[in-house]
Amino acid sequence: MPHIEVNCPQCSENNVIKFGRNASGNQRYKCKNTGCDKDTFLLNYKRPGDLPETKEKIIDMSMNGSGIRDIARVLKVSTNTVMKELKKSQVS
């Protein structure tokens, strides 16, 4: 079996362990660095709304005055995804 080098997307360190699988069966990983605030992550996400970059863009666009429908249309995600992320971040 080939060995895959996995780095944490937050701190870019390779001190990572396997941490089970998600509901779709994809491998989850956990960063072991104490200073890193990234808990678990996947290497490949199934939906564009699950990508960390998309979640950051939702917050940024909302702070810059874009509406929920505008954000959903530009990022090609549903309005429910946009509202869910805004509720999580407590930005209104």
PDB file of N, CA and C in Angstrom:
ATOM      1  N   MET A   1       0.833  -1.175   0.000  1.00  0.00           N
ATOM      2  CA  MET A   1       0.000   0.000   0.000  1.00  0.00           C
ATOM      3  C   MET A   1       0.888   1.252   0.000  1.00  0.00           C
ATOM      4  N   PRO A   2       0.606   2.226  -0.865  1.00  0.00           N
ATOM      5  CA  PRO A   2       1.439   3.424  -0.915  1.00  0.00           C
ATOM      6  C   PRO A   2       1.191   4.326   0.289  1.00  0.00           C
ATOM      7  N   HIS A   3       2.247   5.004   0.709  1.00  0.00           N
ATOM      8  CA  HIS A   3       2.159   5.931   1.829  1.00  0.00           C
ATOM      9  C   HIS A   3       1.892   7.331   1.283  1.00  0.00           C
ATOM     10  N   ILE A   4       0.833   7.981   1.762  1.00  0.00           N
ATOM     11  CA  ILE A   4       0.469   9.317   1.306  1.00  0.00           C
ATOM     12  C   ILE A   4       0.865  10.319   2.382  1.00  0.00           C
ATOM     13  N   GLU A   5       1.605  11.346   1.982  1.00  0.00           N
ATOM     14  CA  GLU A   5       2.000  12.411   2.900  1.00  0.00           C
ATOM     15  C   GLU A   5       0.817  13.361   3.075  1.00  0.00           C
ATOM     16  N   VAL A   6       0.334  13.497   4.302  1.00  0.00           N
ATOM     17  CA  VAL A   6      -0.824  14.343   4.586  1.00  0.00           C
ATOM     18  C   VAL A   6      -0.369  15.489   5.480  1.00  0.00           C
ATOM     19  N   ASN A   7      -0.678  16.713   5.066  1.00  0.00           N
ATOM     20  CA  ASN A   7      -0.351  17.899   5.851  1.00  0.00           C
ATOM     21  C   ASN A   7      -1.629  18.579   6.304  1.00  0.00           C
ATOM     22  N   CYS A   8      -1.577  19.173   7.469  1.00  0.00           N
ATOM     23  CA  CYS A   8      -2.718  19.905   8.007  1.00  0.00           C
ATOM     24  C   CYS A   8      -2.949  21.163   7.159  1.00  0.00           C
ATOM     25  N   PRO A   9      -4.188  21.429   6.745  1.00  0.00           N
ATOM     26  CA  PRO A   9      -4.440  22.628   5.941  1.00  0.00           C
ATOM     27  C   PRO A   9      -4.285  23.925   6.731  1.00  0.00           C
ATOM     28  N   GLN A  10      -4.342  23.860   8.050  1.00  0.00           N
ATOM     29  CA  GLN A  10      -4.243  25.058   8.882  1.00  0.00           C
ATOM     30  C   GLN A  10      -2.793  25.426   9.174  1.00  0.00           C
ATOM     31  N   CYS A  11      -1.999  24.460   9.664  1.00  0.00           N
ATOM     32  CA  CYS A  11      -0.629  24.768  10.091  1.00  0.00           C
ATOM     33  C   CYS A  11       0.430  24.185   9.159  1.00  0.00           C
ATOM     34  N   SER A  12       0.045  23.413   8.168  1.00  0.00           N
ATOM     35  CA  SER A  12       0.934  22.822   7.153  1.00  0.00           C
ATOM     36  C   SER A  12       1.953  21.837   7.721  1.00  0.00           C
ATOM     37  N   GLU A  13       1.734  21.344   8.917  1.00  0.00           N
ATOM     38  CA  GLU A  13       2.617  20.335   9.503  1.00  0.00           C
ATOM     39  C   GLU A  13       2.118  18.946   9.123  1.00  0.00           C
ATOM     40  N   ASN A  14       3.013  17.964   9.166  1.00  0.00           N
ATOM     41  CA  ASN A  14       2.617  16.599   8.815  1.00  0.00           C
ATOM     42  C   ASN A  14       2.416  15.724  10.047  1.00  0.00           C
ATOM     43  N   ASN A  15       2.199  16.324  11.198  1.00  0.00           N
ATOM     44  CA  ASN A  15       1.917  15.593  12.429  1.00  0.00           C
ATOM     45  C   ASN A  15       0.415  15.293  12.479  1.00  0.00           C
ATOM     46  N   VAL A  16      -0.012  14.365  11.604  1.00  0.00           N
ATOM     47  CA  VAL A  16      -1.430  14.090  11.379  1.00  0.00           C
ATOM     48  C   VAL A  16      -1.681  12.600  11.562  1.00  0.00           C
ATOM     49  N   ILE A  17      -2.834  12.256  12.158  1.00  0.00           N
ATOM     50  CA  ILE A  17      -3.215  10.853  12.301  1.00  0.00           C
ATOM     51  C   ILE A  17      -4.564  10.626  11.622  1.00  0.00           C
ATOM     52  N   LYS A  18      -4.827   9.387  11.262  1.00  0.00           N
ATOM     53  CA  LYS A  18      -6.141   9.030  10.738  1.00  0.00           C
ATOM     54  C   LYS A  18      -7.140   9.100  11.884  1.00  0.00           C
ATOM     55  N   PHE A  19      -8.356   9.562  11.578  1.00  0.00           N
ATOM     56  CA  PHE A  19      -9.338   9.791  12.634  1.00  0.00           C
ATOM     57  C   PHE A  19     -10.715   9.314  12.203  1.00  0.00           C
ATOM     58  N   GLY A  20     -10.787   8.095  11.684  1.00  0.00           N
ATOM     59  CA  GLY A  20     -12.065   7.515  11.305  1.00  0.00           C
ATOM     60  C   GLY A  20     -12.515   7.932   9.922  1.00  0.00           C
ATOM     61  N   ARG A  21     -13.794   7.718   9.659  1.00  0.00           N
ATOM     62  CA  ARG A  21     -14.377   8.058   8.360  1.00  0.00           C
ATOM     63  C   ARG A  21     -15.653   8.851   8.584  1.00  0.00           C
ATOM     64  N   ASN A  22     -16.015   9.654   7.590  1.00  0.00           N
ATOM     65  CA  ASN A  22     -17.261  10.408   7.694  1.00  0.00           C
ATOM     66  C   ASN A  22     -18.418   9.552   7.192  1.00  0.00           C
ATOM     67  N   ALA A  23     -19.610  10.127   7.126  1.00  0.00           N
ATOM     68  CA  ALA A  23     -20.795   9.366   6.725  1.00  0.00           C
ATOM     69  C   ALA A  23     -20.704   8.853   5.296  1.00  0.00           C
ATOM     70  N   SER A  24     -19.966   9.546   4.438  1.00  0.00           N
ATOM     71  CA  SER A  24     -19.804   9.115   3.045  1.00  0.00           C
ATOM     72  C   SER A  24     -18.717   8.061   2.881  1.00  0.00           C
ATOM     73  N   GLY A  25     -17.978   7.792   3.937  1.00  0.00           N
ATOM     74  CA  GLY A  25     -16.921   6.794   3.872  1.00  0.00           C
ATOM     75  C   GLY A  25     -15.549   7.360   3.562  1.00  0.00           C
ATOM     76  N   ASN A  26     -15.414   8.695   3.500  1.00  0.00           N
ATOM     77  CA  ASN A  26     -14.119   9.311   3.238  1.00  0.00           C
ATOM     78  C   ASN A  26     -13.280   9.355   4.509  1.00  0.00           C
ATOM     79  N   GLN A  27     -11.971   9.207   4.357  1.00  0.00           N
ATOM     80  CA  GLN A  27     -11.050   9.198   5.490  1.00  0.00           C
ATOM     81  C   GLN A  27     -10.959  10.584   6.119  1.00  0.00           C
ATOM     82  N   ARG A  28     -11.110  10.652   7.453  1.00  0.00           N
ATOM     83  CA  ARG A  28     -10.906  11.897   8.194  1.00  0.00           C
ATOM     84  C   ARG A  28      -9.525  11.863   8.817  1.00  0.00           C
ATOM     85  N   TYR A  29      -8.945  13.037   9.019  1.00  0.00           N
ATOM     86  CA  TYR A  29      -7.632  13.163   9.633  1.00  0.00           C
ATOM     87  C   TYR A  29      -7.713  14.169  10.769  1.00  0.00           C
ATOM     88  N   LYS A  30      -6.793  14.035  11.732  1.00  0.00           N
ATOM     89  CA  LYS A  30      -6.744  14.930  12.884  1.00  0.00           C
ATOM     90  C   LYS A  30      -5.323  15.444  13.045  1.00  0.00           C
ATOM     91  N   CYS A  31      -5.177  16.747  13.248  1.00  0.00           N
ATOM     92  CA  CYS A  31      -3.870  17.357  13.465  1.00  0.00           C
ATOM     93  C   CYS A  31      -3.489  17.189  14.936  1.00  0.00           C
ATOM     94  N   LYS A  32      -2.261  16.741  15.183  1.00  0.00           N
ATOM     95  CA  LYS A  32      -1.802  16.481  16.545  1.00  0.00           C
ATOM     96  C   LYS A  32      -1.035  17.655  17.154  1.00  0.00           C
ATOM     97  N   ASN A  33      -0.799  18.730  16.391  1.00  0.00           N
ATOM     98  CA  ASN A  33      -0.075  19.882  16.925  1.00  0.00           C
ATOM     99  C   ASN A  33      -0.940  20.611  17.943  1.00  0.00           C
ATOM    100  N   THR A  34      -0.345  20.970  19.068  1.00  0.00           N
ATOM    101  CA  THR A  34      -1.112  21.610  20.129  1.00  0.00           C
ATOM    102  C   THR A  34      -1.497  23.042  19.774  1.00  0.00           C
ATOM    103  N   GLY A  35      -0.692  23.733  18.983  1.00  0.00           N
ATOM    104  CA  GLY A  35      -0.993  25.110  18.618  1.00  0.00           C
ATOM    105  C   GLY A  35      -1.977  25.247  17.476  1.00  0.00           C
ATOM    106  N   CYS A  36      -2.305  24.153  16.823  1.00  0.00           N
ATOM    107  CA  CYS A  36      -3.199  24.197  15.662  1.00  0.00           C
ATOM    108  C   CYS A  36      -4.648  24.117  16.132  1.00  0.00           C
ATOM    109  N   ASP A  37      -5.491  24.983  15.581  1.00  0.00           N
ATOM    110  CA  ASP A  37      -6.898  24.972  15.981  1.00  0.00           C
ATOM    111  C   ASP A  37      -7.781  24.201  15.009  1.00  0.00           C
ATOM    112  N   LYS A  38      -7.181  23.519  14.041  1.00  0.00           N
ATOM    113  CA  LYS A  38      -7.937  22.691  13.094  1.00  0.00           C
ATOM    114  C   LYS A  38      -8.134  21.326  13.734  1.00  0.00           C
ATOM    115  N   ASP A  39      -9.383  20.946  13.976  1.00  0.00           N
ATOM    116  CA  ASP A  39      -9.652  19.691  14.671  1.00  0.00           C
ATOM    117  C   ASP A  39      -9.533  18.508  13.718  1.00  0.00           C
ATOM    118  N   THR A  40     -10.493  18.323  12.844  1.00  0.00           N
ATOM    119  CA  THR A  40     -10.432  17.237  11.868  1.00  0.00           C
ATOM    120  C   THR A  40     -10.641  17.815  10.481  1.00  0.00           C
ATOM    121  N   PHE A  41     -10.162  17.094   9.462  1.00  0.00           N
ATOM    122  CA  PHE A  41     -10.322  17.561   8.091  1.00  0.00           C
ATOM    123  C   PHE A  41     -10.304  16.383   7.143  1.00  0.00           C
ATOM    124  N   LEU A  42     -10.750  16.624   5.919  1.00  0.00           N
ATOM    125  CA  LEU A  42     -10.746  15.640   4.838  1.00  0.00           C
ATOM    126  C   LEU A  42      -9.766  16.103   3.770  1.00  0.00           C
ATOM    127  N   LEU A  43      -9.285  15.182   2.967  1.00  0.00           N
ATOM    128  CA  LEU A  43      -8.424  15.564   1.850  1.00  0.00           C
ATOM    129  C   LEU A  43      -9.243  16.014   0.653  1.00  0.00           C
ATOM    130  N   ASN A  44     -10.343  15.340   0.377  1.00  0.00           N
ATOM    131  CA  ASN A  44     -11.188  15.730  -0.754  1.00  0.00           C
ATOM    132  C   ASN A  44     -12.644  15.761  -0.290  1.00  0.00           C
ATOM    133  N   TYR A  45     -13.251  16.917  -0.502  1.00  0.00           N
ATOM    134  CA  TYR A  45     -14.634  17.123  -0.103  1.00  0.00           C
ATOM    135  C   TYR A  45     -15.554  16.796  -1.263  1.00  0.00           C
ATOM    136  N   LYS A  46     -16.747  16.320  -0.949  1.00  0.00           N
ATOM    137  CA  LYS A  46     -17.673  15.871  -1.978  1.00  0.00           C
ATOM    138  C   LYS A  46     -18.468  17.031  -2.584  1.00  0.00           C
ATOM    139  N   ARG A  47     -18.863  17.990  -1.756  1.00  0.00           N
ATOM    140  CA  ARG A  47     -19.686  19.108  -2.223  1.00  0.00           C
ATOM    141  C   ARG A  47     -18.907  20.416  -2.093  1.00  0.00           C
ATOM    142  N   PRO A  48     -19.158  21.366  -3.008  1.00  0.00           N
ATOM    143  CA  PRO A  48     -18.428  22.640  -2.935  1.00  0.00           C
ATOM    144  C   PRO A  48     -18.753  23.445  -1.676  1.00  0.00           C
ATOM    145  N   GLY A  49     -19.927  23.258  -1.095  1.00  0.00           N
ATOM    146  CA  GLY A  49     -20.288  23.981   0.121  1.00  0.00           C
ATOM    147  C   GLY A  49     -19.537  23.515   1.347  1.00  0.00           C
ATOM    148  N   ASP A  50     -18.904  22.355   1.279  1.00  0.00           N
ATOM    149  CA  ASP A  50     -18.155  21.826   2.416  1.00  0.00           C
ATOM    150  C   ASP A  50     -16.706  22.294   2.445  1.00  0.00           C
ATOM    151  N   LEU A  51     -16.230  22.872   1.366  1.00  0.00           N
ATOM    152  CA  LEU A  51     -14.839  23.314   1.295  1.00  0.00           C
ATOM    153  C   LEU A  51     -14.582  24.456   2.280  1.00  0.00           C
ATOM    154  N   PRO A  52     -13.480  24.411   3.014  1.00  0.00           N
ATOM    155  CA  PRO A  52     -13.169  25.506   3.946  1.00  0.00           C
ATOM    156  C   PRO A  52     -13.048  26.857   3.243  1.00  0.00           C
ATOM    157  N   GLU A  53     -12.528  26.857   1.999  1.00  0.00           N
ATOM    158  CA  GLU A  53     -12.392  28.117   1.264  1.00  0.00           C
ATOM    159  C   GLU A  53     -13.764  28.728   0.976  1.00  0.00           C
ATOM    160  N   THR A  54     -14.733  27.882   0.658  1.00  0.00           N
ATOM    161  CA  THR A  54     -16.083  28.371   0.380  1.00  0.00           C
ATOM    162  C   THR A  54     -16.688  28.982   1.634  1.00  0.00           C
ATOM    163  N   LYS A  55     -16.468  28.346   2.771  1.00  0.00           N
ATOM    164  CA  LYS A  55     -17.004  28.866   4.027  1.00  0.00           C
ATOM    165  C   LYS A  55     -16.410  30.231   4.352  1.00  0.00           C
ATOM    166  N   GLU A  56     -15.107  30.401   4.094  1.00  0.00           N
ATOM    167  CA  GLU A  56     -14.467  31.698   4.329  1.00  0.00           C
ATOM    168  C   GLU A  56     -15.015  32.756   3.376  1.00  0.00           C
ATOM    169  N   LYS A  57     -15.233  32.371   2.112  1.00  0.00           N
ATOM    170  CA  LYS A  57     -15.759  33.321   1.127  1.00  0.00           C
ATOM    171  C   LYS A  57     -17.168  33.764   1.489  1.00  0.00           C
ATOM    172  N   ILE A  58     -17.970  32.855   2.045  1.00  0.00           N
ATOM    173  CA  ILE A  58     -19.329  33.210   2.457  1.00  0.00           C
ATOM    174  C   ILE A  58     -19.276  34.314   3.508  1.00  0.00           C
ATOM    175  N   ILE A  59     -18.408  34.164   4.489  1.00  0.00           N
ATOM    176  CA  ILE A  59     -18.279  35.163   5.557  1.00  0.00           C
ATOM    177  C   ILE A  59     -17.772  36.485   4.986  1.00  0.00           C
ATOM    178  N   ASP A  60     -16.733  36.425   4.140  1.00  0.00           N
ATOM    179  CA  ASP A  60     -16.164  37.644   3.560  1.00  0.00           C
ATOM    180  C   ASP A  60     -17.187  38.398   2.722  1.00  0.00           C
ATOM    181  N   MET A  61     -17.904  37.674   1.871  1.00  0.00           N
ATOM    182  CA  MET A  61     -18.887  38.327   1.006  1.00  0.00           C
ATOM    183  C   MET A  61     -20.022  38.934   1.825  1.00  0.00           C
ATOM    184  N   SER A  62     -20.397  38.269   2.897  1.00  0.00           N
ATOM    185  CA  SER A  62     -21.456  38.786   3.753  1.00  0.00           C
ATOM    186  C   SER A  62     -21.006  40.071   4.453  1.00  0.00           C
ATOM    187  N   MET A  63     -19.762  40.098   4.899  1.00  0.00           N
ATOM    188  CA  MET A  63     -19.231  41.289   5.562  1.00  0.00           C
ATOM    189  C   MET A  63     -19.104  42.462   4.587  1.00  0.00           C
ATOM    190  N   ASN A  64     -18.955  42.163   3.300  1.00  0.00           N
ATOM    191  CA  ASN A  64     -18.838  43.210   2.284  1.00  0.00           C
ATOM    192  C   ASN A  64     -20.184  43.632   1.710  1.00  0.00           C
ATOM    193  N   GLY A  65     -21.270  43.138   2.283  1.00  0.00           N
ATOM    194  CA  GLY A  65     -22.593  43.622   1.917  1.00  0.00           C
ATOM    195  C   GLY A  65     -23.348  42.803   0.888  1.00  0.00           C
ATOM    196  N   SER A  66     -22.847  41.653   0.499  1.00  0.00           N
ATOM    197  CA  SER A  66     -23.569  40.813  -0.461  1.00  0.00           C
ATOM    198  C   SER A  66     -24.732  40.118   0.235  1.00  0.00           C
ATOM    199  N   GLY A  67     -25.812  39.928  -0.492  1.00  0.00           N
ATOM    200  CA  GLY A  67     -26.976  39.244   0.051  1.00  0.00           C
ATOM    201  C   GLY A  67     -26.826  37.733  -0.028  1.00  0.00           C
ATOM    202  N   ILE A  68     -27.726  37.037   0.630  1.00  0.00           N
ATOM    203  CA  ILE A  68     -27.669  35.578   0.688  1.00  0.00           C
ATOM    204  C   ILE A  68     -27.805  34.964  -0.695  1.00  0.00           C
ATOM    205  N   ARG A  69     -28.743  35.466  -1.477  1.00  0.00           N
ATOM    206  CA  ARG A  69     -28.928  34.907  -2.824  1.00  0.00           C
ATOM    207  C   ARG A  69     -27.746  35.207  -3.731  1.00  0.00           C
ATOM    208  N   ASP A  70     -27.171  36.400  -3.595  1.00  0.00           N
ATOM    209  CA  ASP A  70     -25.989  36.744  -4.394  1.00  0.00           C
ATOM    210  C   ASP A  70     -24.827  35.808  -4.076  1.00  0.00           C
ATOM    211  N   ILE A  71     -24.592  35.580  -2.800  1.00  0.00           N
ATOM    212  CA  ILE A  71     -23.500  34.702  -2.377  1.00  0.00           C
ATOM    213  C   ILE A  71     -23.729  33.297  -2.912  1.00  0.00           C
ATOM    214  N   ALA A  72     -24.952  32.802  -2.778  1.00  0.00           N
ATOM    215  CA  ALA A  72     -25.271  31.445  -3.235  1.00  0.00           C
ATOM    216  C   ALA A  72     -25.053  31.311  -4.736  1.00  0.00           C
ATOM    217  N   ARG A  73     -25.459  32.312  -5.494  1.00  0.00           N
ATOM    218  CA  ARG A  73     -25.317  32.249  -6.949  1.00  0.00           C
ATOM    219  C   ARG A  73     -23.843  32.302  -7.372  1.00  0.00           C
ATOM    220  N   VAL A  74     -23.058  33.180  -6.776  1.00  0.00           N
ATOM    221  CA  VAL A  74     -21.651  33.339  -7.150  1.00  0.00           C
ATOM    222  C   VAL A  74     -20.837  32.100  -6.778  1.00  0.00           C
ATOM    223  N   LEU A  75     -21.062  31.553  -5.588  1.00  0.00           N
ATOM    224  CA  LEU A  75     -20.274  30.411  -5.112  1.00  0.00           C
ATOM    225  C   LEU A  75     -20.855  29.067  -5.537  1.00  0.00           C
ATOM    226  N   LYS A  76     -22.024  29.094  -6.188  1.00  0.00           N
ATOM    227  CA  LYS A  76     -22.688  27.875  -6.659  1.00  0.00           C
ATOM    228  C   LYS A  76     -22.993  26.905  -5.516  1.00  0.00           C
ATOM    229  N   VAL A  77     -23.566  27.469  -4.446  1.00  0.00           N
ATOM    230  CA  VAL A  77     -24.045  26.675  -3.318  1.00  0.00           C
ATOM    231  C   VAL A  77     -25.495  27.073  -3.069  1.00  0.00           C
ATOM    232  N   SER A  78     -26.184  26.333  -2.224  1.00  0.00           N
ATOM    233  CA  SER A  78     -27.582  26.649  -1.947  1.00  0.00           C
ATOM    234  C   SER A  78     -27.680  27.791  -0.936  1.00  0.00           C
ATOM    235  N   THR A  79     -28.836  28.430  -0.915  1.00  0.00           N
ATOM    236  CA  THR A  79     -29.055  29.498   0.062  1.00  0.00           C
ATOM    237  C   THR A  79     -29.058  28.932   1.485  1.00  0.00           C
ATOM    238  N   ASN A  80     -29.477  27.681   1.627  1.00  0.00           N
ATOM    239  CA  ASN A  80     -29.442  27.044   2.951  1.00  0.00           C
ATOM    240  C   ASN A  80     -28.014  26.912   3.458  1.00  0.00           C
ATOM    241  N   THR A  81     -27.078  26.597   2.568  1.00  0.00           N
ATOM    242  CA  THR A  81     -25.669  26.495   2.957  1.00  0.00           C
ATOM    243  C   THR A  81     -25.160  27.848   3.431  1.00  0.00           C
ATOM    244  N   VAL A  82     -25.509  28.895   2.715  1.00  0.00           N
ATOM    245  CA  VAL A  82     -25.075  30.245   3.090  1.00  0.00           C
ATOM    246  C   VAL A  82     -25.640  30.618   4.454  1.00  0.00           C
ATOM    247  N   MET A  83     -26.933  30.398   4.659  1.00  0.00           N
ATOM    248  CA  MET A  83     -27.551  30.742   5.942  1.00  0.00           C
ATOM    249  C   MET A  83     -26.956  29.926   7.083  1.00  0.00           C
ATOM    250  N   LYS A  84     -26.685  28.648   6.836  1.00  0.00           N
ATOM    251  CA  LYS A  84     -26.102  27.792   7.871  1.00  0.00           C
ATOM    252  C   LYS A  84     -24.736  28.322   8.306  1.00  0.00           C
ATOM    253  N   GLU A  85     -23.908  28.710   7.337  1.00  0.00           N
ATOM    254  CA  GLU A  85     -22.574  29.216   7.670  1.00  0.00           C
ATOM    255  C   GLU A  85     -22.642  30.559   8.381  1.00  0.00           C
ATOM    256  N   LEU A  86     -23.580  31.405   7.983  1.00  0.00           N
ATOM    257  CA  LEU A  86     -23.719  32.695   8.652  1.00  0.00           C
ATOM    258  C   LEU A  86     -24.201  32.519  10.089  1.00  0.00           C
ATOM    259  N   LYS A  87     -25.084  31.561  10.320  1.00  0.00           N
ATOM    260  CA  LYS A  87     -25.536  31.293  11.685  1.00  0.00           C
ATOM    261  C   LYS A  87     -24.404  30.743  12.537  1.00  0.00           C
ATOM    262  N   LYS A  88     -23.564  29.881  11.936  1.00  0.00           N
ATOM    263  CA  LYS A  88     -22.433  29.318  12.678  1.00  0.00           C
ATOM    264  C   LYS A  88     -21.463  30.404  13.108  1.00  0.00           C
ATOM    265  N   SER A  89     -21.230  31.362  12.228  1.00  0.00           N
ATOM    266  CA  SER A  89     -20.249  32.408  12.525  1.00  0.00           C
ATOM    267  C   SER A  89     -20.866  33.565  13.305  1.00  0.00           C
ATOM    268  N   GLN A  90     -22.180  33.549  13.491  1.00  0.00           N
ATOM    269  CA  GLN A  90     -22.931  34.571  14.213  1.00  0.00           C
ATOM    270  C   GLN A  90     -22.768  35.940  13.582  1.00  0.00           C
ATOM    271  N   VAL A  91     -22.703  35.968  12.243  1.00  0.00           N
ATOM    272  CA  VAL A  91     -22.645  37.222  11.499  1.00  0.00           C
ATOM    273  C   VAL A  91     -24.018  37.450  10.904  1.00  0.00           C
ATOM    274  N   SER A  92     -24.608  38.601  11.170  1.00  0.00           N
ATOM    275  CA  SER A  92     -25.922  38.870  10.594  1.00  0.00           C
ATOM    276  C   SER A  92     -25.923  40.171   9.840  1.00  0.00           C
TER     277      SER A  92
END
